[in-house]
Amino acid sequence: RSDFHEAWYYRGNILGHLGRDEEAICSYDQALEIQPDFHEAWYYRGNILGHLGRYEDAIASYDQALKIKLDKHEAWYNRGIALYTLGCKEEALLSYDQVVKINPNKHEAWNNRGIVLNDLARYEEAITSYDQVLKIKPDYHQAWYNKACSYALKANIEKALEKLQQAINLNHNQCVQWAKADSDFDSIRQDKRFQALIK
């Protein structure tokens, strides 16, 4: 039967949900042997490999999916995560650029893009990326928090404190925990107002 590849694919999905990752990969491999241009199988195979910490293999799988379906923004997004985890920041940034070009409303991609830009010391661009997040999802505490980091790294203390206050208002416990340990705030750690915020 010509649609037999789909049975292997669905089997892979079920095994993946059950946490039987190696078996899931074997199932996707079977599906791809029958139907090599089955982009969904390449994509989910990449997800499982990423889950196993096999990031280079995951990226190779996403690349195969994107060869077949270039506008699959989820593959670009997860590829970006894998690249960033491997420390390939410029390449991760290019992946996130693709995501937001295809799906401008994916706030998580704008947020991750900002994190990469922050790491590359491109703070103004990072802030612009977080602004995009907040246009889509104004109560996304991660973006307020990350924006505070950008301003702290730029030594703009007033703005850093203001954005951190926003983040803490939205998710007190998580943002206070983060800020206590985050080296991005080292420049303002001794500021009385910062100390009051993280009490």
N, C-alpha and C. Protein backbone atom coordinates (compact mmCIF):
# COMPACT_ATOMS: atom_id res chain seq x y z
N ARG A 1 0.85 -1.22 0.00
CA ARG A 1 0.00 0.00 0.00
C ARG A 1 0.87 1.24 0.00
N SER A 2 0.41 2.24 -0.76
CA SER A 2 1.24 3.44 -0.95
C SER A 2 1.29 4.32 0.31
N ASP A 3 0.28 4.21 1.16
CA ASP A 3 0.27 5.09 2.34
C ASP A 3 0.87 4.41 3.58
N PHE A 4 1.61 3.33 3.36
CA PHE A 4 2.15 2.57 4.49
C PHE A 4 3.14 3.41 5.31
N HIS A 5 3.78 4.37 4.66
CA HIS A 5 4.72 5.25 5.38
C HIS A 5 4.03 6.00 6.52
N GLU A 6 2.73 6.28 6.31
CA GLU A 6 2.01 7.03 7.35
C GLU A 6 1.82 6.19 8.61
N ALA A 7 1.67 4.90 8.44
CA ALA A 7 1.52 4.02 9.61
C ALA A 7 2.80 4.07 10.46
N TRP A 8 3.95 4.01 9.78
CA TRP A 8 5.23 4.11 10.51
C TRP A 8 5.36 5.47 11.20
N TYR A 9 4.92 6.50 10.49
CA TYR A 9 4.99 7.87 11.03
C TYR A 9 4.14 7.99 12.31
N TYR A 10 2.89 7.52 12.24
CA TYR A 10 2.02 7.62 13.42
C TYR A 10 2.53 6.75 14.57
N ARG A 11 3.09 5.62 14.19
CA ARG A 11 3.70 4.76 15.21
C ARG A 11 4.84 5.52 15.92
N GLY A 12 5.63 6.23 15.12
CA GLY A 12 6.72 7.04 15.68
C GLY A 12 6.20 8.11 16.64
N ASN A 13 5.11 8.76 16.24
CA ASN A 13 4.52 9.80 17.11
C ASN A 13 4.06 9.22 18.45
N ILE A 14 3.41 8.05 18.37
CA ILE A 14 2.91 7.42 19.61
C ILE A 14 4.08 7.01 20.50
N LEU A 15 5.09 6.40 19.91
CA LEU A 15 6.27 5.98 20.69
C LEU A 15 6.96 7.20 21.31
N GLY A 16 7.00 8.29 20.54
CA GLY A 16 7.58 9.53 21.06
C GLY A 16 6.83 10.02 22.29
N HIS A 17 5.49 10.00 22.20
CA HIS A 17 4.66 10.42 23.34
C HIS A 17 4.87 9.52 24.55
N LEU A 18 5.19 8.27 24.30
CA LEU A 18 5.41 7.31 25.40
C LEU A 18 6.83 7.40 25.95
N GLY A 19 7.64 8.28 25.36
CA GLY A 19 9.03 8.43 25.82
C GLY A 19 9.95 7.32 25.31
N ARG A 20 9.49 6.57 24.33
CA ARG A 20 10.33 5.48 23.76
C ARG A 20 11.05 6.04 22.53
N ASP A 21 12.02 6.93 22.81
CA ASP A 21 12.61 7.77 21.78
C ASP A 21 13.35 6.99 20.71
N GLU A 22 14.17 6.03 21.11
CA GLU A 22 14.96 5.28 20.12
C GLU A 22 14.04 4.53 19.16
N GLU A 23 12.98 3.94 19.71
CA GLU A 23 12.02 3.21 18.86
C GLU A 23 11.29 4.16 17.92
N ALA A 24 11.00 5.36 18.44
CA ALA A 24 10.33 6.37 17.62
C ALA A 24 11.20 6.72 16.42
N ILE A 25 12.49 6.92 16.67
CA ILE A 25 13.42 7.25 15.57
C ILE A 25 13.42 6.14 14.52
N CYS A 26 13.45 4.90 14.99
CA CYS A 26 13.41 3.76 14.04
C CYS A 26 12.15 3.80 13.19
N SER A 27 11.03 4.13 13.80
CA SER A 27 9.77 4.21 13.06
C SER A 27 9.83 5.32 12.01
N TYR A 28 10.34 6.50 12.40
CA TYR A 28 10.46 7.59 11.43
C TYR A 28 11.40 7.18 10.28
N ASP A 29 12.48 6.48 10.64
CA ASP A 29 13.41 6.02 9.61
C ASP A 29 12.71 5.10 8.62
N GLN A 30 11.85 4.22 9.14
CA GLN A 30 11.08 3.32 8.26
C GLN A 30 10.17 4.13 7.33
N ALA A 31 9.48 5.12 7.91
CA ALA A 31 8.59 5.96 7.10
C ALA A 31 9.38 6.65 6.00
N LEU A 32 10.59 7.14 6.34
CA LEU A 32 11.39 7.90 5.38
C LEU A 32 12.04 7.02 4.33
N GLU A 33 12.23 5.75 4.67
CA GLU A 33 12.74 4.81 3.68
C GLU A 33 11.71 4.63 2.55
N ILE A 34 10.44 4.61 2.97
CA ILE A 34 9.35 4.42 2.00
C ILE A 34 9.08 5.74 1.26
N GLN A 35 9.11 6.83 2.02
CA GLN A 35 8.73 8.15 1.46
C GLN A 35 9.76 9.19 1.92
N PRO A 36 10.89 9.31 1.18
CA PRO A 36 11.99 10.16 1.64
C PRO A 36 11.64 11.66 1.73
N ASP A 37 10.58 12.09 1.02
CA ASP A 37 10.25 13.52 1.05
C ASP A 37 9.10 13.82 2.02
N PHE A 38 8.98 13.01 3.05
CA PHE A 38 7.90 13.16 4.04
C PHE A 38 8.40 14.12 5.13
N HIS A 39 8.14 15.41 4.91
CA HIS A 39 8.77 16.43 5.78
C HIS A 39 8.35 16.32 7.24
N GLU A 40 7.11 15.90 7.49
CA GLU A 40 6.65 15.76 8.88
C GLU A 40 7.51 14.74 9.64
N ALA A 41 7.83 13.64 8.98
CA ALA A 41 8.65 12.60 9.63
C ALA A 41 10.05 13.14 9.94
N TRP A 42 10.63 13.89 8.97
CA TRP A 42 11.94 14.51 9.23
C TRP A 42 11.86 15.46 10.42
N TYR A 43 10.77 16.24 10.47
CA TYR A 43 10.60 17.23 11.54
C TYR A 43 10.49 16.56 12.92
N TYR A 44 9.60 15.58 13.04
CA TYR A 44 9.41 14.93 14.34
C TYR A 44 10.63 14.11 14.75
N ARG A 45 11.31 13.55 13.76
CA ARG A 45 12.56 12.85 14.02
C ARG A 45 13.57 13.83 14.64
N GLY A 46 13.61 15.03 14.08
CA GLY A 46 14.48 16.07 14.64
C GLY A 46 14.13 16.41 16.08
N ASN A 47 12.84 16.50 16.36
CA ASN A 47 12.40 16.81 17.73
C ASN A 47 12.87 15.75 18.72
N ILE A 48 12.73 14.49 18.33
CA ILE A 48 13.14 13.39 19.22
C ILE A 48 14.65 13.42 19.43
N LEU A 49 15.40 13.65 18.36
CA LEU A 49 16.86 13.71 18.47
C LEU A 49 17.29 14.86 19.38
N GLY A 50 16.60 15.99 19.24
CA GLY A 50 16.87 17.14 20.12
C GLY A 50 16.60 16.80 21.57
N HIS A 51 15.49 16.09 21.77
CA HIS A 51 15.10 15.65 23.12
C HIS A 51 16.17 14.75 23.73
N LEU A 52 16.84 13.97 22.88
CA LEU A 52 17.91 13.07 23.33
C LEU A 52 19.26 13.78 23.48
N GLY A 53 19.28 15.07 23.17
CA GLY A 53 20.53 15.83 23.26
C GLY A 53 21.45 15.62 22.06
N ARG A 54 20.92 15.01 21.00
CA ARG A 54 21.73 14.78 19.79
C ARG A 54 21.46 15.92 18.80
N TYR A 55 22.00 17.10 19.16
CA TYR A 55 21.59 18.33 18.47
C TYR A 55 22.07 18.41 17.02
N GLU A 56 23.30 17.91 16.75
CA GLU A 56 23.77 17.94 15.36
C GLU A 56 22.85 17.10 14.48
N ASP A 57 22.49 15.92 14.97
CA ASP A 57 21.59 15.04 14.21
C ASP A 57 20.22 15.68 14.05
N ALA A 58 19.77 16.35 15.10
CA ALA A 58 18.47 17.02 15.04
C ALA A 58 18.49 18.08 13.94
N ILE A 59 19.56 18.88 13.92
CA ILE A 59 19.68 19.95 12.91
C ILE A 59 19.67 19.35 11.50
N ALA A 60 20.39 18.25 11.33
CA ALA A 60 20.41 17.58 10.01
C ALA A 60 19.00 17.15 9.61
N SER A 61 18.22 16.67 10.58
CA SER A 61 16.84 16.26 10.31
C SER A 61 15.98 17.47 9.92
N TYR A 62 16.11 18.55 10.69
CA TYR A 62 15.35 19.77 10.36
C TYR A 62 15.73 20.28 8.97
N ASP A 63 17.02 20.20 8.65
CA ASP A 63 17.47 20.65 7.32
C ASP A 63 16.78 19.86 6.22
N GLN A 64 16.63 18.55 6.45
CA GLN A 64 15.93 17.71 5.46
C GLN A 64 14.47 18.15 5.33
N ALA A 65 13.83 18.39 6.48
CA ALA A 65 12.43 18.83 6.45
C ALA A 65 12.30 20.14 5.68
N LEU A 66 13.27 21.06 5.89
CA LEU A 66 13.20 22.39 5.28
C LEU A 66 13.56 22.36 3.80
N LYS A 67 14.33 21.35 3.39
CA LYS A 67 14.60 21.18 1.96
C LYS A 67 13.29 20.91 1.23
N ILE A 68 12.40 20.19 1.90
CA ILE A 68 11.13 19.77 1.29
C ILE A 68 10.07 20.85 1.49
N LYS A 69 10.06 21.45 2.68
CA LYS A 69 9.04 22.47 3.00
C LYS A 69 9.74 23.65 3.68
N LEU A 70 10.16 24.59 2.85
CA LEU A 70 11.00 25.70 3.33
C LEU A 70 10.27 26.62 4.31
N ASP A 71 8.94 26.64 4.24
CA ASP A 71 8.19 27.57 5.10
C ASP A 71 7.67 26.90 6.38
N LYS A 72 8.26 25.78 6.76
CA LYS A 72 7.82 25.12 8.01
C LYS A 72 8.49 25.83 9.18
N HIS A 73 7.78 26.82 9.73
CA HIS A 73 8.42 27.68 10.73
C HIS A 73 8.77 26.93 12.01
N GLU A 74 8.02 25.86 12.34
CA GLU A 74 8.34 25.08 13.55
C GLU A 74 9.72 24.42 13.43
N ALA A 75 10.05 23.99 12.20
CA ALA A 75 11.37 23.37 11.99
C ALA A 75 12.47 24.43 12.13
N TRP A 76 12.24 25.62 11.57
CA TRP A 76 13.21 26.71 11.75
C TRP A 76 13.38 27.04 13.23
N TYR A 77 12.26 27.04 13.95
CA TYR A 77 12.28 27.43 15.37
C TYR A 77 13.09 26.42 16.20
N ASN A 78 12.78 25.14 16.03
CA ASN A 78 13.49 24.11 16.81
C ASN A 78 14.94 23.98 16.36
N ARG A 79 15.19 24.25 15.09
CA ARG A 79 16.56 24.28 14.58
C ARG A 79 17.33 25.40 15.30
N GLY A 80 16.69 26.54 15.47
CA GLY A 80 17.30 27.66 16.19
C GLY A 80 17.67 27.28 17.61
N ILE A 81 16.77 26.58 18.29
CA ILE A 81 17.03 26.14 19.67
C ILE A 81 18.24 25.20 19.70
N ALA A 82 18.28 24.25 18.77
CA ALA A 82 19.39 23.28 18.73
C ALA A 82 20.71 23.99 18.46
N LEU A 83 20.71 24.91 17.51
CA LEU A 83 21.94 25.65 17.17
C LEU A 83 22.42 26.48 18.37
N TYR A 84 21.46 27.13 19.03
CA TYR A 84 21.82 27.96 20.19
C TYR A 84 22.42 27.10 21.30
N THR A 85 21.83 25.93 21.51
CA THR A 85 22.33 25.01 22.54
C THR A 85 23.77 24.60 22.23
N LEU A 86 24.09 24.49 20.94
CA LEU A 86 25.45 24.12 20.53
C LEU A 86 26.40 25.33 20.52
N GLY A 87 25.86 26.50 20.83
CA GLY A 87 26.70 27.70 20.85
C GLY A 87 26.86 28.37 19.50
N CYS A 88 26.08 27.94 18.50
CA CYS A 88 26.17 28.55 17.15
C CYS A 88 25.17 29.71 17.08
N LYS A 89 25.55 30.83 17.67
CA LYS A 89 24.57 31.90 17.89
C LYS A 89 24.16 32.62 16.62
N GLU A 90 25.15 32.92 15.76
CA GLU A 90 24.82 33.62 14.51
C GLU A 90 23.85 32.78 13.67
N GLU A 91 24.12 31.48 13.61
CA GLU A 91 23.25 30.59 12.83
C GLU A 91 21.87 30.47 13.46
N ALA A 92 21.84 30.42 14.80
CA ALA A 92 20.55 30.37 15.50
C ALA A 92 19.74 31.61 15.17
N LEU A 93 20.40 32.75 15.15
CA LEU A 93 19.73 34.02 14.83
C LEU A 93 19.10 33.96 13.44
N LEU A 94 19.84 33.41 12.47
CA LEU A 94 19.31 33.30 11.11
C LEU A 94 18.06 32.41 11.09
N SER A 95 18.08 31.36 11.91
CA SER A 95 16.90 30.48 11.99
C SER A 95 15.69 31.23 12.54
N TYR A 96 15.91 31.99 13.62
CA TYR A 96 14.79 32.75 14.21
C TYR A 96 14.30 33.84 13.25
N ASP A 97 15.23 34.41 12.47
CA ASP A 97 14.82 35.40 11.46
C ASP A 97 13.84 34.77 10.47
N GLN A 98 14.12 33.52 10.09
CA GLN A 98 13.22 32.80 9.17
C GLN A 98 11.85 32.59 9.81
N VAL A 99 11.85 32.22 11.09
CA VAL A 99 10.57 31.96 11.77
C VAL A 99 9.69 33.20 11.71
N VAL A 100 10.26 34.35 12.11
CA VAL A 100 9.42 35.56 12.22
C VAL A 100 9.06 36.12 10.85
N LYS A 101 9.85 35.76 9.84
CA LYS A 101 9.48 36.16 8.47
C LYS A 101 8.24 35.37 8.04
N ILE A 102 8.22 34.07 8.37
CA ILE A 102 7.11 33.20 7.96
C ILE A 102 5.90 33.40 8.87
N ASN A 103 6.16 33.51 10.16
CA ASN A 103 5.08 33.65 11.14
C ASN A 103 5.39 34.79 12.12
N PRO A 104 5.06 36.03 11.73
CA PRO A 104 5.43 37.20 12.55
C PRO A 104 4.78 37.20 13.94
N ASN A 105 3.78 36.35 14.15
CA ASN A 105 3.10 36.34 15.45
C ASN A 105 3.66 35.32 16.43
N LYS A 106 4.73 34.64 16.07
CA LYS A 106 5.29 33.64 16.99
C LYS A 106 6.16 34.36 18.03
N HIS A 107 5.53 34.70 19.14
CA HIS A 107 6.22 35.54 20.14
C HIS A 107 7.44 34.85 20.73
N GLU A 108 7.38 33.51 20.86
CA GLU A 108 8.52 32.78 21.43
C GLU A 108 9.77 32.95 20.56
N ALA A 109 9.56 33.02 19.24
CA ALA A 109 10.70 33.18 18.33
C ALA A 109 11.30 34.58 18.47
N TRP A 110 10.44 35.60 18.59
CA TRP A 110 10.94 36.96 18.82
C TRP A 110 11.72 37.00 20.14
N ASN A 111 11.22 36.32 21.14
CA ASN A 111 11.88 36.32 22.45
C ASN A 111 13.26 35.64 22.37
N ASN A 112 13.29 34.47 21.74
CA ASN A 112 14.56 33.75 21.60
C ASN A 112 15.55 34.54 20.75
N ARG A 113 15.03 35.19 19.74
CA ARG A 113 15.86 36.05 18.88
C ARG A 113 16.51 37.15 19.72
N GLY A 114 15.72 37.72 20.62
CA GLY A 114 16.25 38.76 21.51
C GLY A 114 17.35 38.22 22.41
N ILE A 115 17.16 37.01 22.91
CA ILE A 115 18.17 36.40 23.79
C ILE A 115 19.50 36.24 23.04
N VAL A 116 19.41 35.77 21.79
CA VAL A 116 20.63 35.60 21.00
C VAL A 116 21.30 36.95 20.77
N LEU A 117 20.51 37.96 20.41
CA LEU A 117 21.07 39.30 20.16
C LEU A 117 21.72 39.86 21.43
N ASN A 118 21.09 39.62 22.56
CA ASN A 118 21.68 40.03 23.85
C ASN A 118 23.05 39.38 24.04
N ASP A 119 23.11 38.07 23.76
CA ASP A 119 24.38 37.34 23.90
C ASP A 119 25.45 37.90 22.96
N LEU A 120 25.01 38.41 21.81
CA LEU A 120 25.94 38.97 20.84
C LEU A 120 26.23 40.45 21.12
N ALA A 121 25.76 40.93 22.27
CA ALA A 121 25.94 42.33 22.71
C ALA A 121 25.30 43.32 21.73
N ARG A 122 24.24 42.88 21.03
CA ARG A 122 23.48 43.77 20.13
C ARG A 122 22.19 44.17 20.86
N TYR A 123 22.37 44.99 21.91
CA TYR A 123 21.30 45.23 22.88
C TYR A 123 20.11 45.97 22.29
N GLU A 124 20.39 46.97 21.44
CA GLU A 124 19.28 47.74 20.85
C GLU A 124 18.38 46.82 20.01
N GLU A 125 19.01 45.96 19.22
CA GLU A 125 18.24 45.03 18.38
C GLU A 125 17.47 44.03 19.26
N ALA A 126 18.10 43.62 20.35
CA ALA A 126 17.43 42.70 21.29
C ALA A 126 16.17 43.35 21.84
N ILE A 127 16.30 44.61 22.25
CA ILE A 127 15.15 45.34 22.82
C ILE A 127 14.02 45.45 21.79
N THR A 128 14.40 45.72 20.53
CA THR A 128 13.39 45.79 19.45
C THR A 128 12.68 44.45 19.30
N SER A 129 13.43 43.37 19.45
CA SER A 129 12.83 42.03 19.36
C SER A 129 11.84 41.80 20.51
N TYR A 130 12.23 42.19 21.70
CA TYR A 130 11.32 42.03 22.86
C TYR A 130 10.08 42.90 22.70
N ASP A 131 10.25 44.09 22.08
CA ASP A 131 9.09 44.94 21.82
C ASP A 131 8.08 44.22 20.94
N GLN A 132 8.58 43.47 19.96
CA GLN A 132 7.70 42.69 19.09
C GLN A 132 6.92 41.65 19.89
N VAL A 133 7.63 40.99 20.83
CA VAL A 133 6.96 40.00 21.70
C VAL A 133 5.79 40.67 22.40
N LEU A 134 6.06 41.83 22.98
CA LEU A 134 5.08 42.49 23.85
C LEU A 134 3.92 43.10 23.08
N LYS A 135 4.14 43.35 21.78
CA LYS A 135 3.02 43.76 20.92
C LYS A 135 2.03 42.62 20.78
N ILE A 136 2.58 41.40 20.68
CA ILE A 136 1.76 40.21 20.47
C ILE A 136 1.18 39.73 21.80
N LYS A 137 1.99 39.77 22.84
CA LYS A 137 1.62 39.21 24.15
C LYS A 137 2.12 40.14 25.26
N PRO A 138 1.34 41.17 25.58
CA PRO A 138 1.82 42.21 26.51
C PRO A 138 2.14 41.69 27.92
N ASP A 139 1.60 40.54 28.28
CA ASP A 139 1.83 40.04 29.65
C ASP A 139 2.87 38.91 29.68
N TYR A 140 3.74 38.86 28.67
CA TYR A 140 4.76 37.81 28.59
C TYR A 140 5.93 38.24 29.48
N HIS A 141 5.94 37.72 30.71
CA HIS A 141 6.91 38.23 31.70
C HIS A 141 8.36 38.01 31.26
N GLN A 142 8.59 36.91 30.49
CA GLN A 142 9.96 36.62 30.04
C GLN A 142 10.53 37.77 29.22
N ALA A 143 9.69 38.38 28.37
CA ALA A 143 10.17 39.47 27.51
C ALA A 143 10.46 40.72 28.34
N TRP A 144 9.61 41.03 29.31
CA TRP A 144 9.89 42.17 30.20
C TRP A 144 11.19 41.93 30.95
N TYR A 145 11.37 40.72 31.43
CA TYR A 145 12.58 40.37 32.19
C TYR A 145 13.82 40.50 31.29
N ASN A 146 13.74 39.92 30.08
CA ASN A 146 14.88 39.95 29.17
C ASN A 146 15.22 41.38 28.74
N LYS A 147 14.16 42.18 28.62
CA LYS A 147 14.36 43.59 28.27
C LYS A 147 15.12 44.30 29.41
N ALA A 148 14.76 43.96 30.63
CA ALA A 148 15.48 44.52 31.79
C ALA A 148 16.96 44.15 31.72
N CYS A 149 17.24 42.90 31.34
CA CYS A 149 18.63 42.44 31.19
C CYS A 149 19.37 43.29 30.15
N SER A 150 18.72 43.52 29.01
CA SER A 150 19.35 44.33 27.95
C SER A 150 19.71 45.72 28.47
N TYR A 151 18.76 46.34 29.16
CA TYR A 151 19.01 47.69 29.67
C TYR A 151 20.11 47.68 30.74
N ALA A 152 20.13 46.65 31.57
CA ALA A 152 21.18 46.55 32.60
C ALA A 152 22.55 46.43 31.92
N LEU A 153 22.61 45.61 30.86
CA LEU A 153 23.87 45.42 30.15
C LEU A 153 24.30 46.69 29.40
N LYS A 154 23.32 47.50 29.04
CA LYS A 154 23.61 48.79 28.40
C LYS A 154 23.90 49.87 29.45
N ALA A 155 23.82 49.50 30.73
CA ALA A 155 24.04 50.43 31.85
C ALA A 155 22.97 51.52 31.92
N ASN A 156 21.77 51.20 31.45
CA ASN A 156 20.64 52.12 31.60
C ASN A 156 19.84 51.63 32.83
N ILE A 157 20.26 52.11 33.99
CA ILE A 157 19.74 51.56 35.25
C ILE A 157 18.25 51.84 35.42
N GLU A 158 17.84 53.07 35.11
CA GLU A 158 16.42 53.44 35.29
C GLU A 158 15.52 52.49 34.52
N LYS A 159 15.85 52.33 33.24
CA LYS A 159 15.00 51.47 32.38
C LYS A 159 15.07 50.02 32.83
N ALA A 160 16.25 49.57 33.23
CA ALA A 160 16.40 48.18 33.68
C ALA A 160 15.48 47.92 34.88
N LEU A 161 15.48 48.85 35.83
CA LEU A 161 14.64 48.68 37.03
C LEU A 161 13.16 48.72 36.68
N GLU A 162 12.82 49.62 35.76
CA GLU A 162 11.41 49.78 35.36
C GLU A 162 10.89 48.49 34.71
N LYS A 163 11.69 47.92 33.79
CA LYS A 163 11.25 46.69 33.09
C LYS A 163 11.24 45.50 34.04
N LEU A 164 12.22 45.46 34.94
CA LEU A 164 12.26 44.37 35.91
C LEU A 164 11.03 44.42 36.82
N GLN A 165 10.64 45.62 37.20
CA GLN A 165 9.43 45.79 38.02
C GLN A 165 8.22 45.22 37.29
N GLN A 166 8.10 45.53 35.98
CA GLN A 166 7.00 44.99 35.14
C GLN A 166 6.99 43.47 35.20
N ALA A 167 8.18 42.88 34.99
CA ALA A 167 8.31 41.42 34.95
C ALA A 167 7.89 40.82 36.28
N ILE A 168 8.35 41.42 37.36
CA ILE A 168 8.05 40.91 38.71
C ILE A 168 6.55 41.04 39.00
N ASN A 169 5.95 42.12 38.52
CA ASN A 169 4.49 42.28 38.70
C ASN A 169 3.73 41.15 38.03
N LEU A 170 4.27 40.67 36.91
CA LEU A 170 3.56 39.63 36.14
C LEU A 170 3.83 38.22 36.67
N ASN A 171 5.06 37.99 37.16
CA ASN A 171 5.39 36.67 37.70
C ASN A 171 6.45 36.85 38.79
N HIS A 172 5.97 37.12 39.98
CA HIS A 172 6.85 37.53 41.08
C HIS A 172 7.93 36.49 41.38
N ASN A 173 7.50 35.28 41.71
CA ASN A 173 8.46 34.27 42.19
C ASN A 173 9.54 33.94 41.17
N GLN A 174 9.09 33.67 39.94
CA GLN A 174 10.06 33.25 38.92
C GLN A 174 11.06 34.36 38.63
N CYS A 175 10.58 35.59 38.44
CA CYS A 175 11.47 36.69 38.05
C CYS A 175 12.43 37.08 39.17
N VAL A 176 11.97 37.00 40.41
CA VAL A 176 12.86 37.29 41.54
C VAL A 176 13.96 36.22 41.61
N GLN A 177 13.56 34.96 41.44
CA GLN A 177 14.55 33.86 41.44
C GLN A 177 15.60 34.08 40.36
N TRP A 178 15.13 34.38 39.15
CA TRP A 178 16.06 34.62 38.04
C TRP A 178 17.02 35.75 38.35
N ALA A 179 16.45 36.88 38.81
CA ALA A 179 17.25 38.10 38.99
C ALA A 179 18.31 37.92 40.07
N LYS A 180 18.00 37.11 41.07
CA LYS A 180 18.96 36.89 42.17
C LYS A 180 20.27 36.30 41.66
N ALA A 181 20.17 35.43 40.64
CA ALA A 181 21.35 34.69 40.17
C ALA A 181 21.90 35.18 38.84
N ASP A 182 21.26 36.17 38.22
CA ASP A 182 21.57 36.54 36.83
C ASP A 182 22.72 37.54 36.76
N SER A 183 23.81 37.13 36.12
CA SER A 183 24.99 38.01 36.01
C SER A 183 24.71 39.26 35.17
N ASP A 184 23.64 39.23 34.36
CA ASP A 184 23.28 40.43 33.58
C ASP A 184 23.03 41.63 34.48
N PHE A 185 22.65 41.37 35.73
CA PHE A 185 22.34 42.46 36.65
C PHE A 185 23.51 42.84 37.57
N ASP A 186 24.69 42.28 37.30
CA ASP A 186 25.82 42.55 38.19
C ASP A 186 26.11 44.05 38.33
N SER A 187 25.90 44.78 37.25
CA SER A 187 26.21 46.22 37.28
C SER A 187 25.27 46.99 38.21
N ILE A 188 24.09 46.46 38.49
CA ILE A 188 23.14 47.20 39.36
C ILE A 188 22.83 46.44 40.65
N ARG A 189 23.58 45.36 40.88
CA ARG A 189 23.28 44.51 42.03
C ARG A 189 23.35 45.26 43.36
N GLN A 190 24.24 46.25 43.44
CA GLN A 190 24.40 46.99 44.70
C GLN A 190 23.39 48.14 44.84
N ASP A 191 22.65 48.41 43.78
CA ASP A 191 21.66 49.49 43.81
C ASP A 191 20.55 49.14 44.80
N LYS A 192 20.26 50.07 45.68
CA LYS A 192 19.23 49.83 46.73
C LYS A 192 17.88 49.46 46.10
N ARG A 193 17.56 50.12 44.99
CA ARG A 193 16.25 49.86 44.36
C ARG A 193 16.19 48.44 43.80
N PHE A 194 17.31 47.98 43.24
CA PHE A 194 17.36 46.60 42.74
C PHE A 194 17.19 45.63 43.90
N GLN A 195 17.89 45.88 44.98
CA GLN A 195 17.81 45.00 46.16
C GLN A 195 16.40 44.95 46.72
N ALA A 196 15.73 46.10 46.69
CA ALA A 196 14.33 46.14 47.17
C ALA A 196 13.43 45.30 46.27
N LEU A 197 13.69 45.35 44.97
CA LEU A 197 12.87 44.59 44.02
C LEU A 197 12.98 43.09 44.23
N ILE A 198 14.18 42.61 44.56
CA ILE A 198 14.35 41.15 44.62
C ILE A 198 14.22 40.61 46.05
N LYS A 199 13.78 41.42 46.97
CA LYS A 199 13.53 40.96 48.34
C LYS A 199 12.33 40.03 48.36
